[in-house]
């Protein structure tokens, strides 16, 4: 039994997305087809996204581009819909300046995307001519002013002497970043090796380590043995465009009433408000977590975007530290510590449901890359970007050719305890598609949930045949026997909590470096003689100031919504 969310007079024959259950929970990403007022379940093809470019562009981009995909693959809407015909095979000639390319449409979609370069988007004019049997049946023009949102889907009337139908296209604007033109693919990305053992948020997520996650102390502690070379950290932007390190999109703060809390979006805070937060005032109570929340949190490094924000925080550990910006990590962590920077970007559904004004993907990419490139020591540091957001992965790859970009997959496997993905993007929720997509857009690797790699070992070979790195994440990666099995399958590396204990059990190495040796190692590359002494939690901020500052944009919670859960 399916319940429709947002029924708007869908006509027979059109696909609709549904959620099972009265509250929309349960099976997600399923599609139904309306036929004569009835509904029947249908499955989407393996992917409708194109897997090769029609026009070649060199990375890093020298000019900005608009990437067009014919149709709306995410919602399975075909490119051309005629009023008096169900035809699904056409040719579309795309003209922009001196460029003229012909795309073939089969079953409503095209296996190629097309990139159009531009210098001034306000002057951009693109003509789409639809042909059938070599004869033009309709045309339309798209102007740069139609692309103000910089990303989205357009549905435009297809004209002959009158409107004969509609043309639907997805578009993504990718602006170039001149500062990133500092390394070729050969000199940059190809020389970066995949890490074998990576500390999840440093020494581990909340509840797995005495160190507060996503902090300098946690990162330094995680890499105290030679077998652990990298740490994974979560990055997002504040309201003033500064990259900061935090896992969730909301930070739960205690109010004056100790029994209540409010949820403040990171993107609504300034960077100063963020770094002034005292971890002691942040809620630290897992009693508000449902079993489903707890299970999903342990599986993925991205919190379930459809779950309403709870009164909790992803910190943990008695050893607190300052709330860091990305620049702090780059400046204060020794260059021997490699960084796997997860780029946190909410889904469209999350943005619409919680009315969050998140920065654009281009701004996000520019600010993160500028921060990384401006740090002198990073020229000697191994840095890898990874994200669940397919479009953001494309943008990061297109803007630079120095750092590898890995694509995270949300497929969970058959033994995931009933967890379901919150993503509607088929590039992300199916391992086969994730591998093909990563290769198509020139990414360097994939990162799967551990169960998927174990249940579908052929994906490891498939990724390697395409020249891609394959790594895994998940709670099970703390189990040395499971990790050993993955290494036998030739998985390139694992992201794990308690990574030092893992390497000790797996490789027989001992984390026996003395505190003096640790401090000496750190002081070689940092301006401080003892990073553990320097970093303290002496900074404190007023909870009232954090919650009630006139600089905060928008209310932290919906009217009437209780945050005590």
Protein backbone atom coordinates (compact mmCIF):
# COMPACT_ATOMS: atom_id res chain seq x y z
CA UNK A 1 0.00 0.00 0.00
CA UNK A 2 1.54 3.29 -1.04
CA UNK A 3 0.71 6.82 0.08
CA UNK A 4 1.48 9.71 -2.22
CA UNK A 5 3.16 12.84 -0.91
CA UNK A 6 2.21 16.02 -2.77
CA UNK A 7 -0.27 14.64 -5.34
CA UNK A 8 -0.75 17.32 -7.97
CA UNK A 9 -3.01 15.88 -10.61
CA UNK A 10 -0.52 13.50 -12.15
CA UNK A 11 -1.78 12.27 -15.50
CA UNK A 12 -1.97 8.59 -16.51
CA UNK A 13 1.30 7.16 -17.69
CA UNK A 14 3.52 9.46 -15.63
CA UNK A 15 5.87 8.15 -12.96
CA UNK A 16 5.56 9.28 -9.37
CA UNK A 17 7.84 8.79 -6.37
CA UNK A 18 6.21 7.23 -3.36
CA UNK A 19 6.96 6.37 0.23
CA UNK A 20 5.33 3.48 2.03
CA UNK A 21 3.52 3.96 5.32
CA UNK A 22 1.32 6.72 6.59
CA UNK A 23 4.28 8.80 7.73
CA UNK A 24 6.27 8.22 4.57
CA UNK A 25 8.74 5.90 6.26
CA UNK A 26 9.86 2.54 4.98
CA UNK A 27 10.65 1.80 1.35
CA UNK A 28 12.16 4.76 -0.43
CA UNK A 29 13.23 5.41 -3.96
CA UNK A 30 10.43 3.28 -5.39
CA UNK A 31 8.48 4.36 -8.43
CA UNK A 32 4.88 3.74 -9.37
CA UNK A 33 3.15 4.26 -12.69
CA UNK A 34 -0.34 5.74 -12.88
CA UNK A 35 -2.51 3.92 -15.39
CA UNK A 36 -6.21 4.80 -15.65
CA UNK A 37 -6.34 5.92 -12.04
CA UNK A 38 -4.64 2.77 -10.74
CA UNK A 39 -1.09 2.42 -9.53
CA UNK A 40 1.35 -0.38 -10.07
CA UNK A 41 4.92 -0.64 -8.87
CA UNK A 42 7.66 -0.29 -11.45
CA UNK A 43 11.42 -0.35 -11.29
CA UNK A 44 13.68 2.21 -12.89
CA UNK A 45 16.38 1.16 -15.33
CA UNK A 46 19.85 0.63 -13.88
CA UNK A 47 20.57 4.28 -14.53
CA UNK A 48 19.26 6.97 -16.79
CA UNK A 49 22.28 9.22 -16.34
CA UNK A 50 24.58 9.47 -19.34
CA UNK A 51 27.95 7.77 -19.03
CA UNK A 52 30.07 9.66 -21.53
CA UNK A 53 30.54 13.24 -22.74
CA UNK A 54 29.59 14.41 -26.21
CA UNK A 55 32.10 17.23 -26.01
CA UNK A 56 35.49 16.87 -24.33
CA UNK A 57 36.70 19.49 -21.88
CA UNK A 58 40.08 19.51 -20.18
CA UNK A 59 40.43 19.56 -16.40
CA UNK A 60 40.95 21.80 -14.60
CA UNK A 61 38.47 23.95 -16.45
CA UNK A 62 39.93 26.90 -18.30
CA UNK A 63 36.45 28.35 -18.84
CA UNK A 64 33.17 27.92 -17.03
CA UNK A 65 30.73 25.42 -18.49
CA UNK A 66 27.07 24.44 -18.45
CA UNK A 67 26.59 20.67 -18.39
CA UNK A 68 23.32 19.59 -20.00
CA UNK A 69 21.69 16.19 -19.50
CA UNK A 70 18.76 15.39 -21.74
CA UNK A 71 15.63 14.70 -19.70
CA UNK A 72 15.32 14.55 -15.91
CA UNK A 73 16.93 11.22 -14.92
CA UNK A 74 16.39 11.73 -11.21
CA UNK A 75 12.61 11.68 -11.69
CA UNK A 76 12.71 9.54 -14.84
CA UNK A 77 11.18 12.29 -17.00
CA UNK A 78 12.07 11.81 -20.70
CA UNK A 79 13.68 14.53 -22.73
CA UNK A 80 10.99 15.04 -25.40
CA UNK A 81 7.26 14.74 -24.71
CA UNK A 82 5.02 15.40 -27.72
CA UNK A 83 1.38 16.29 -27.32
CA UNK A 84 0.08 13.94 -30.01
CA UNK A 85 2.63 11.12 -29.93
CA UNK A 86 4.35 8.67 -27.56
CA UNK A 87 7.55 8.67 -29.64
CA UNK A 88 10.73 8.33 -27.58
CA UNK A 89 13.48 8.34 -30.22
CA UNK A 90 14.77 11.59 -31.65
CA UNK A 91 17.87 13.50 -32.64
CA UNK A 92 18.60 16.82 -30.96
CA UNK A 93 20.99 19.31 -32.55
CA UNK A 94 22.56 21.65 -29.98
CA UNK A 95 23.98 24.96 -31.26
CA UNK A 96 25.93 27.47 -29.17
CA UNK A 97 28.17 29.93 -30.98
CA UNK A 98 30.48 27.93 -33.25
CA UNK A 99 29.58 24.65 -31.56
CA UNK A 100 27.10 22.33 -33.25
CA UNK A 101 26.57 18.81 -31.90
CA UNK A 102 23.92 16.15 -32.51
CA UNK A 103 22.63 13.97 -29.67
CA UNK A 104 20.71 10.72 -30.12
CA UNK A 105 17.68 10.16 -27.89
CA UNK A 106 16.60 6.56 -27.27
CA UNK A 107 13.84 5.53 -24.87
CA UNK A 108 13.50 9.14 -23.86
CA UNK A 109 17.10 9.70 -22.77
CA UNK A 110 20.57 10.20 -24.17
CA UNK A 111 23.69 8.22 -23.29
CA UNK A 112 25.81 11.37 -23.58
CA UNK A 113 25.86 14.69 -21.78
CA UNK A 114 27.03 17.88 -23.45
CA UNK A 115 29.19 20.68 -22.04
CA UNK A 116 28.87 24.23 -23.33
CA UNK A 117 31.69 26.64 -22.50
CA UNK A 118 31.00 30.30 -21.85
CA UNK A 119 32.75 33.48 -20.71
CA UNK A 120 29.71 35.60 -19.82
CA UNK A 121 26.63 33.60 -18.91
CA UNK A 122 24.40 36.63 -19.46
CA UNK A 123 25.35 36.50 -23.15
CA UNK A 124 24.87 32.76 -23.54
CA UNK A 125 22.35 31.59 -26.17
CA UNK A 126 21.76 27.90 -26.93
CA UNK A 127 19.44 26.51 -29.60
CA UNK A 128 17.94 23.01 -29.36
CA UNK A 129 16.52 21.60 -32.60
CA UNK A 130 14.52 18.36 -32.31
CA UNK A 131 14.56 16.11 -35.37
CA UNK A 132 12.67 12.97 -36.35
CA UNK A 133 13.81 11.00 -39.38
CA UNK A 134 16.19 13.79 -40.34
CA UNK A 135 13.40 16.40 -40.37
CA UNK A 136 13.20 19.18 -37.80
CA UNK A 137 9.89 18.99 -35.94
CA UNK A 138 10.44 21.66 -33.30
CA UNK A 139 12.98 23.93 -31.64
CA UNK A 140 13.55 26.14 -28.63
CA UNK A 141 16.18 28.54 -27.33
CA UNK A 142 17.63 28.66 -23.83
CA UNK A 143 19.32 31.82 -22.61
CA UNK A 144 21.90 32.31 -19.91
CA UNK A 145 19.28 34.18 -17.92
CA UNK A 146 17.28 30.93 -17.73
CA UNK A 147 20.16 29.41 -15.75
CA UNK A 148 20.24 31.85 -12.85
CA UNK A 149 19.77 29.07 -10.31
CA UNK A 150 23.03 27.54 -11.60
CA UNK A 151 21.52 24.06 -11.23
CA UNK A 152 18.16 22.51 -11.86
CA UNK A 153 15.75 21.21 -14.44
CA UNK A 154 14.07 23.16 -17.23
CA UNK A 155 10.83 22.23 -18.98
CA UNK A 156 10.34 24.42 -22.02
CA UNK A 157 7.68 24.45 -24.77
CA UNK A 158 8.83 22.92 -28.05
CA UNK A 159 7.71 25.10 -30.94
CA UNK A 160 6.95 24.61 -34.62
CA UNK A 161 4.13 26.91 -35.70
CA UNK A 162 2.61 26.27 -32.31
CA UNK A 163 3.48 24.33 -29.17
CA UNK A 164 3.91 20.67 -30.14
CA UNK A 165 5.27 19.38 -26.86
CA UNK A 166 7.92 19.99 -24.22
CA UNK A 167 11.66 19.57 -23.86
CA UNK A 168 13.04 18.71 -20.42
CA UNK A 169 16.73 19.05 -19.59
CA UNK A 170 18.86 19.00 -16.47
CA UNK A 171 21.64 21.56 -16.21
CA UNK A 172 24.59 22.22 -13.93
CA UNK A 173 26.78 25.32 -14.12
CA UNK A 174 30.42 24.69 -13.18
CA UNK A 175 32.58 27.80 -12.80
CA UNK A 176 36.33 27.57 -13.24
CA UNK A 177 38.79 28.26 -10.42
CA UNK A 178 42.02 29.78 -11.78
CA UNK A 179 43.87 29.18 -8.50
CA UNK A 180 43.58 25.44 -9.04
CA UNK A 181 45.55 25.51 -12.30
CA UNK A 182 48.69 24.39 -10.52
CA UNK A 183 49.00 20.71 -11.31
CA UNK A 184 48.32 18.46 -14.25
CA UNK A 185 46.61 15.11 -13.84
CA UNK A 186 49.95 13.36 -14.28
CA UNK A 187 51.81 15.50 -11.75
CA UNK A 188 48.99 15.60 -9.23
CA UNK A 189 46.26 13.00 -8.95
CA UNK A 190 48.17 10.05 -10.39
CA UNK A 191 50.85 10.39 -7.70
CA UNK A 192 48.43 10.11 -4.77
CA UNK A 193 48.18 6.59 -3.36
CA UNK A 194 45.03 5.28 -1.70
CA UNK A 195 45.42 5.01 2.08
CA UNK A 196 45.07 1.52 3.54
CA UNK A 197 43.81 2.49 7.00
CA UNK A 198 41.90 5.71 7.71
CA UNK A 199 40.69 6.97 11.09
CA UNK A 200 36.96 7.72 10.96
CA UNK A 201 36.58 11.33 12.15
CA UNK A 202 40.04 10.86 13.62
CA UNK A 203 40.13 8.36 16.46
CA UNK A 204 36.52 7.36 15.87
CA UNK A 205 32.93 8.54 15.97
CA UNK A 206 31.13 9.31 19.19
CA UNK A 207 31.13 6.44 21.65
CA UNK A 208 34.17 4.72 20.17
CA UNK A 209 37.00 6.94 21.40
CA UNK A 210 37.91 9.07 24.42
CA UNK A 211 38.72 11.92 22.03
CA UNK A 212 36.14 14.34 20.71
CA UNK A 213 35.58 13.49 17.04
CA UNK A 214 36.62 15.75 14.16
CA UNK A 215 39.28 17.62 16.15
CA UNK A 216 43.04 18.07 15.96
CA UNK A 217 43.58 15.94 19.07
CA UNK A 218 41.53 13.12 17.62
CA UNK A 219 43.43 13.26 14.32
CA UNK A 220 46.85 13.26 15.96
CA UNK A 221 45.89 10.39 18.24
CA UNK A 222 44.55 8.31 15.34
CA UNK A 223 47.81 8.53 13.40
CA UNK A 224 50.20 7.74 16.22
CA UNK A 225 51.22 4.48 14.49
CA UNK A 226 52.88 4.32 11.09
CA UNK A 227 50.15 2.08 9.66
CA UNK A 228 47.49 4.81 9.95
CA UNK A 229 48.38 7.55 7.50
CA UNK A 230 45.06 9.35 6.98
CA UNK A 231 42.04 10.61 8.88
CA UNK A 232 38.53 11.22 7.58
CA UNK A 233 36.84 14.51 8.52
CA UNK A 234 33.55 16.24 7.73
CA UNK A 235 33.51 19.72 6.17
CA UNK A 236 30.69 22.18 5.58
CA UNK A 237 30.33 25.96 5.25
CA UNK A 238 29.21 28.58 7.74
CA UNK A 239 27.02 31.51 6.75
CA UNK A 240 30.05 33.65 5.96
CA UNK A 241 31.49 30.94 3.68
CA UNK A 242 34.18 29.52 5.97
CA UNK A 243 34.80 25.73 5.86
CA UNK A 244 34.43 24.22 9.34
CA UNK A 245 34.69 20.68 10.69
CA UNK A 246 31.42 19.22 11.94
CA UNK A 247 29.38 16.14 11.13
CA UNK A 248 25.69 17.08 11.33
CA UNK A 249 24.00 19.91 9.46
CA UNK A 250 22.54 21.13 12.78
CA UNK A 251 24.28 21.69 16.09
CA UNK A 252 22.10 21.00 19.15
CA UNK A 253 22.58 23.59 21.88
CA UNK A 254 21.28 23.56 25.40
CA UNK A 255 18.93 26.38 26.25
CA UNK A 256 18.60 28.16 29.57
CA UNK A 257 16.22 25.35 30.44
CA UNK A 258 18.64 22.42 30.86
CA UNK A 259 15.87 20.01 29.90
CA UNK A 260 15.45 21.47 26.43
CA UNK A 261 17.61 22.21 23.43
CA UNK A 262 17.37 23.92 20.08
CA UNK A 263 18.79 22.92 16.72
CA UNK A 264 20.88 25.56 14.96
CA UNK A 265 21.97 24.97 11.34
CA UNK A 266 25.71 25.25 10.84
CA UNK A 267 25.08 27.21 7.65
CA UNK A 268 23.18 29.87 9.67
CA UNK A 269 26.10 30.52 12.04
CA UNK A 270 29.11 32.70 11.37
CA UNK A 271 32.53 31.10 11.63
CA UNK A 272 33.22 33.07 14.80
CA UNK A 273 30.03 31.83 16.42
CA UNK A 274 31.06 28.29 15.50
CA UNK A 275 34.60 28.38 16.87
CA UNK A 276 33.40 30.16 20.03
CA UNK A 277 31.13 27.24 20.91
CA UNK A 278 32.09 25.44 24.07
CA UNK A 279 31.60 21.66 23.66
CA UNK A 280 30.32 21.64 27.23
CA UNK A 281 27.16 23.50 26.20
CA UNK A 282 26.38 21.12 23.37
CA UNK A 283 23.81 18.44 24.01
CA UNK A 284 25.39 15.06 24.55
CA UNK A 285 22.47 12.75 25.19
CA UNK A 286 21.88 9.64 23.14
CA UNK A 287 18.72 8.86 25.06
CA UNK A 288 16.85 10.87 22.45
CA UNK A 289 17.98 8.53 19.69
CA UNK A 290 15.54 6.01 18.32
CA UNK A 291 16.84 2.56 17.46
CA UNK A 292 16.57 3.43 13.79
CA UNK A 293 18.62 6.60 14.23
CA UNK A 294 21.31 4.74 16.19
CA UNK A 295 21.56 1.99 13.61
CA UNK A 296 21.81 4.30 10.65
CA UNK A 297 24.32 6.56 12.36
CA UNK A 298 26.66 3.65 12.89
CA UNK A 299 26.51 2.63 9.25
CA UNK A 300 27.24 5.78 7.36
CA UNK A 301 29.23 8.94 7.77
CA UNK A 302 26.20 10.94 6.70
CA UNK A 303 23.29 11.38 9.09
CA UNK A 304 19.92 10.32 7.69
CA UNK A 305 18.68 13.51 6.02
CA UNK A 306 14.99 12.66 6.41
CA UNK A 307 15.21 12.22 10.17
CA UNK A 308 14.08 15.32 12.01
CA UNK A 309 16.98 16.82 13.98
CA UNK A 310 17.14 15.33 17.45
CA UNK A 311 18.47 16.84 20.64
CA UNK A 312 21.93 15.35 20.30
CA UNK A 313 25.41 16.08 19.04
CA UNK A 314 28.00 14.00 17.24
CA UNK A 315 30.93 14.75 19.54
CA UNK A 316 31.52 12.35 22.43
CA UNK A 317 34.61 11.55 24.42
CA UNK A 318 35.79 13.06 27.70
CA UNK A 319 38.83 14.65 26.00
CA UNK A 320 37.31 17.81 24.47
CA UNK A 321 38.95 20.17 22.01
CA UNK A 322 38.26 23.40 20.18
CA UNK A 323 35.68 23.47 17.38
CA UNK A 324 38.01 23.64 14.36
CA UNK A 325 37.87 25.29 10.99
CA UNK A 326 39.40 23.52 8.01
CA UNK A 327 42.19 26.09 8.01
CA UNK A 328 43.02 25.11 11.62
CA UNK A 329 43.36 21.47 10.63
CA UNK A 330 45.57 22.32 7.65
CA UNK A 331 47.81 24.61 9.74
CA UNK A 332 48.06 22.63 12.96
CA UNK A 333 48.09 18.98 11.90
CA UNK A 334 51.51 17.66 10.86
CA UNK A 335 51.82 17.33 7.09
CA UNK A 336 52.42 13.59 7.55
CA UNK A 337 48.76 13.26 8.46
CA UNK A 338 46.81 12.76 5.25
CA UNK A 339 43.27 14.15 5.05
CA UNK A 340 40.23 12.47 3.53
CA UNK A 341 37.86 15.44 3.45
CA UNK A 342 34.21 14.46 3.23
CA UNK A 343 32.24 17.23 1.59
CA UNK A 344 28.92 17.46 3.40
CA UNK A 345 26.02 18.60 1.25
CA UNK A 346 22.32 18.07 2.11
CA UNK A 347 19.91 16.43 -0.28
CA UNK A 348 17.30 18.46 -2.12
CA UNK A 349 14.62 16.82 0.01
CA UNK A 350 16.40 17.89 3.19
CA UNK A 351 16.73 21.48 2.00
CA UNK A 352 13.08 21.67 1.05
CA UNK A 353 11.82 20.05 4.25
CA UNK A 354 13.85 22.14 6.70
CA UNK A 355 13.96 25.37 4.65
CA UNK A 356 17.73 25.63 4.97
CA UNK A 357 19.57 28.11 2.75
CA UNK A 358 22.72 26.16 2.01
CA UNK A 359 25.52 27.70 -0.10
CA UNK A 360 25.71 26.72 -3.75
CA UNK A 361 27.89 23.81 -4.78
CA UNK A 362 30.23 26.08 -6.72
CA UNK A 363 30.75 28.38 -3.74
CA UNK A 364 31.22 25.36 -1.48
CA UNK A 365 33.89 23.93 -3.78
CA UNK A 366 35.66 27.26 -4.26
CA UNK A 367 35.94 28.01 -0.55
CA UNK A 368 37.18 24.55 0.37
CA UNK A 369 39.72 24.44 -2.47
CA UNK A 370 40.94 27.97 -1.73
CA UNK A 371 41.47 27.05 1.93
CA UNK A 372 43.40 23.91 1.02
CA UNK A 373 45.50 25.59 -1.69
CA UNK A 374 46.36 28.60 0.48
CA UNK A 375 48.01 26.43 3.15
CA UNK A 376 51.67 26.10 2.26
CA UNK A 377 52.19 22.79 4.05
CA UNK A 378 49.41 21.13 2.05
CA UNK A 379 51.68 21.00 -0.98
CA UNK A 380 53.38 18.11 0.84
CA UNK A 381 50.24 16.59 2.34
CA UNK A 382 48.13 13.77 0.90
CA UNK A 383 44.59 15.08 0.48
CA UNK A 384 41.58 13.24 -0.93
CA UNK A 385 38.04 14.58 -1.31
CA UNK A 386 34.97 12.37 -1.01
CA UNK A 387 31.23 12.98 -1.04
CA UNK A 388 27.84 11.33 -1.41
CA UNK A 389 26.69 14.21 -3.63
CA UNK A 390 27.26 13.24 -7.27
CA UNK A 391 27.05 16.78 -8.63
CA UNK A 392 29.46 18.10 -6.02
CA UNK A 393 31.88 15.31 -6.89
CA UNK A 394 31.74 16.36 -10.55
CA UNK A 395 32.33 19.99 -9.65
CA UNK A 396 35.35 19.27 -7.42
CA UNK A 397 36.90 17.13 -10.14
CA UNK A 398 36.28 19.71 -12.87
CA UNK A 399 37.78 22.61 -10.90
CA UNK A 400 41.16 21.02 -10.12
CA UNK A 401 43.55 18.25 -11.10
CA UNK A 402 45.67 18.00 -7.99
CA UNK A 403 43.59 16.08 -5.47
CA UNK A 404 41.70 12.81 -6.04
CA UNK A 405 37.92 12.79 -5.67
CA UNK A 406 36.13 9.63 -4.45
CA UNK A 407 32.40 8.98 -4.75
CA UNK A 408 30.60 7.61 -1.68
CA UNK A 409 27.77 5.13 -2.24
CA UNK A 410 24.65 4.82 -0.07
CA UNK A 411 23.80 1.21 -0.94
CA UNK A 412 23.67 -0.81 2.28
CA UNK A 413 23.53 -4.48 1.32
CA UNK A 414 21.17 -7.31 2.24
CA UNK A 415 22.17 -7.66 5.90
CA UNK A 416 21.90 -4.01 6.89
CA UNK A 417 19.23 -4.54 9.52
CA UNK A 418 16.49 -2.88 7.51
CA UNK A 419 18.28 0.41 6.93
CA UNK A 420 17.14 2.21 3.81
CA UNK A 421 18.88 4.91 1.86
CA UNK A 422 17.62 8.47 2.05
CA UNK A 423 18.89 9.37 -1.42
CA UNK A 424 16.79 9.39 -4.57
CA UNK A 425 19.89 9.72 -6.74
CA UNK A 426 20.46 6.46 -8.56
CA UNK A 427 24.11 7.30 -9.08
CA UNK A 428 24.52 7.02 -5.32
CA UNK A 429 22.26 4.20 -4.15
CA UNK A 430 23.44 1.36 -6.37
CA UNK A 431 27.04 0.20 -6.39
CA UNK A 432 27.15 -0.67 -10.08
CA UNK A 433 25.93 2.79 -11.04
CA UNK A 434 28.34 4.44 -8.62
CA UNK A 435 31.33 2.76 -10.26
CA UNK A 436 30.16 3.61 -13.77
CA UNK A 437 29.43 7.21 -12.80
CA UNK A 438 32.82 7.68 -11.13
CA UNK A 439 34.59 6.48 -14.26
CA UNK A 440 32.38 8.57 -16.56
CA UNK A 441 33.18 11.87 -14.83
CA UNK A 442 36.89 11.11 -14.29
CA UNK A 443 36.80 10.54 -10.55
CA UNK A 444 39.54 8.46 -8.94
CA UNK A 445 37.64 6.08 -6.69
CA UNK A 446 34.56 4.78 -4.91
CA UNK A 447 33.80 4.25 -1.23
CA UNK A 448 31.19 1.59 -0.40
CA UNK A 449 29.44 0.49 2.75
CA UNK A 450 31.36 -2.55 3.97
CA UNK A 451 28.45 -5.01 3.50
CA UNK A 452 28.19 -4.13 -0.19
CA UNK A 453 31.84 -4.94 -0.87
CA UNK A 454 31.50 -8.27 0.94
CA UNK A 455 28.23 -9.26 -0.74
CA UNK A 456 29.21 -7.99 -4.19
CA UNK A 457 32.93 -8.71 -4.50
CA UNK A 458 32.67 -8.36 -8.27
CA UNK A 459 32.33 -4.59 -7.69
CA UNK A 460 35.90 -4.51 -6.41
CA UNK A 461 37.14 -6.04 -9.65
CA UNK A 462 34.81 -3.83 -11.69
CA UNK A 463 36.23 -0.70 -10.07
CA UNK A 464 39.82 -1.86 -10.53
CA UNK A 465 39.22 -2.69 -14.19
CA UNK A 466 38.11 0.90 -14.69
CA UNK A 467 41.23 2.19 -12.94
CA UNK A 468 39.38 3.21 -9.77
CA UNK A 469 40.32 2.88 -6.13
CA UNK A 470 37.75 1.09 -3.96
CA UNK A 471 37.50 1.67 -0.21
CA UNK A 472 34.84 0.91 2.41
CA UNK A 473 33.26 2.51 5.48
CA UNK A 474 31.00 1.22 8.24
CA UNK A 475 30.93 0.06 11.83
CA UNK A 476 32.01 -3.47 10.85
CA UNK A 477 35.40 -2.10 9.79
CA UNK A 478 36.38 -2.12 13.45
CA UNK A 479 36.38 -5.94 13.21
CA UNK A 480 39.83 -7.12 12.14
CA UNK A 481 38.48 -10.40 10.70
CA UNK A 482 36.08 -8.51 8.43
CA UNK A 483 38.82 -6.13 7.34
CA UNK A 484 41.18 -9.03 6.63
CA UNK A 485 38.54 -10.59 4.38
CA UNK A 486 38.22 -7.30 2.50
CA UNK A 487 41.97 -7.07 1.99
CA UNK A 488 41.86 -10.58 0.56
CA UNK A 489 39.23 -9.31 -1.88
CA UNK A 490 41.75 -6.58 -2.78
CA UNK A 491 39.77 -3.71 -1.27
CA UNK A 492 42.26 -0.85 -1.31
CA UNK A 493 41.53 0.63 2.10
CA UNK A 494 39.09 0.97 4.99
CA UNK A 495 37.71 3.87 7.04
CA UNK A 496 37.32 2.67 10.62
CA UNK A 497 36.68 3.66 14.21
CA UNK A 498 39.35 2.54 16.72
CA UNK A 499 41.76 2.36 13.83
CA UNK A 500 44.83 1.94 16.04
CA UNK A 501 43.32 -1.10 17.74
CA UNK A 502 42.37 -2.44 14.32
CA UNK A 503 45.93 -2.24 12.97
CA UNK A 504 47.30 -3.74 16.18
CA UNK A 505 45.01 -6.75 15.84
CA UNK A 506 45.46 -7.06 12.10
CA UNK A 507 49.15 -6.34 11.66
CA UNK A 508 50.54 -6.93 15.13
CA UNK A 509 51.78 -3.35 15.39
CA UNK A 510 51.83 -1.63 18.75
CA UNK A 511 50.84 1.95 19.44
CA UNK A 512 53.78 2.33 21.80
CA UNK A 513 55.08 5.71 20.76
CA UNK A 514 55.85 7.71 23.89
CA UNK A 515 54.25 11.06 24.57
CA UNK A 516 57.68 12.72 24.16
CA UNK A 517 58.19 11.09 20.75
CA UNK A 518 54.69 12.07 19.73
CA UNK A 519 55.25 15.68 20.75
CA UNK A 520 58.62 15.80 18.97
CA UNK A 521 57.04 14.46 15.79
CA UNK A 522 54.32 17.10 15.91
CA UNK A 523 56.60 20.02 16.72
CA UNK A 524 58.65 19.48 13.55
CA UNK A 525 55.78 20.73 11.45
CA UNK A 526 53.77 22.98 13.73
CA UNK A 527 54.67 26.30 15.32
CA UNK A 528 53.80 24.96 18.77
CA UNK A 529 56.07 22.84 20.93
CA UNK A 530 53.24 20.77 22.34
CA UNK A 531 49.95 20.61 20.48
CA UNK A 532 48.31 18.73 23.32
CA UNK A 533 49.14 21.54 25.75
CA UNK A 534 48.15 24.26 23.32
CA UNK A 535 44.73 22.90 22.51
CA UNK A 536 42.34 23.41 25.38
CA UNK A 537 38.71 24.12 25.81
CA UNK A 538 39.21 27.39 27.63
CA UNK A 539 37.06 29.16 25.08
CA UNK A 540 33.45 29.34 26.13
CA UNK A 541 30.50 31.13 24.71
CA UNK A 542 27.18 32.20 26.04
CA UNK A 543 24.43 29.82 25.01
CA UNK A 544 22.06 32.71 24.88
CA UNK A 545 24.35 34.60 22.54
CA UNK A 546 24.64 31.59 20.27
CA UNK A 547 20.90 31.06 20.16
CA UNK A 548 19.60 34.62 20.18
CA UNK A 549 22.25 36.56 18.29
CA UNK A 550 20.71 38.93 15.82
CA UNK A 551 23.18 37.61 13.27
CA UNK A 552 21.59 34.16 13.26
CA UNK A 553 19.40 33.69 10.21
CA UNK A 554 16.00 32.19 10.80
CA UNK A 555 14.54 30.30 13.73
CA UNK A 556 16.41 27.19 14.82
CA UNK A 557 13.23 25.12 14.97
CA UNK A 558 9.78 25.09 13.46
CA UNK A 559 7.07 26.93 15.43
CA UNK A 560 5.52 24.68 18.01
CA UNK A 561 8.05 21.89 17.52
CA UNK A 562 9.38 20.48 20.76
CA UNK A 563 13.10 19.83 20.81
CA UNK A 564 12.99 17.66 23.92
CA UNK A 565 11.74 14.76 21.76
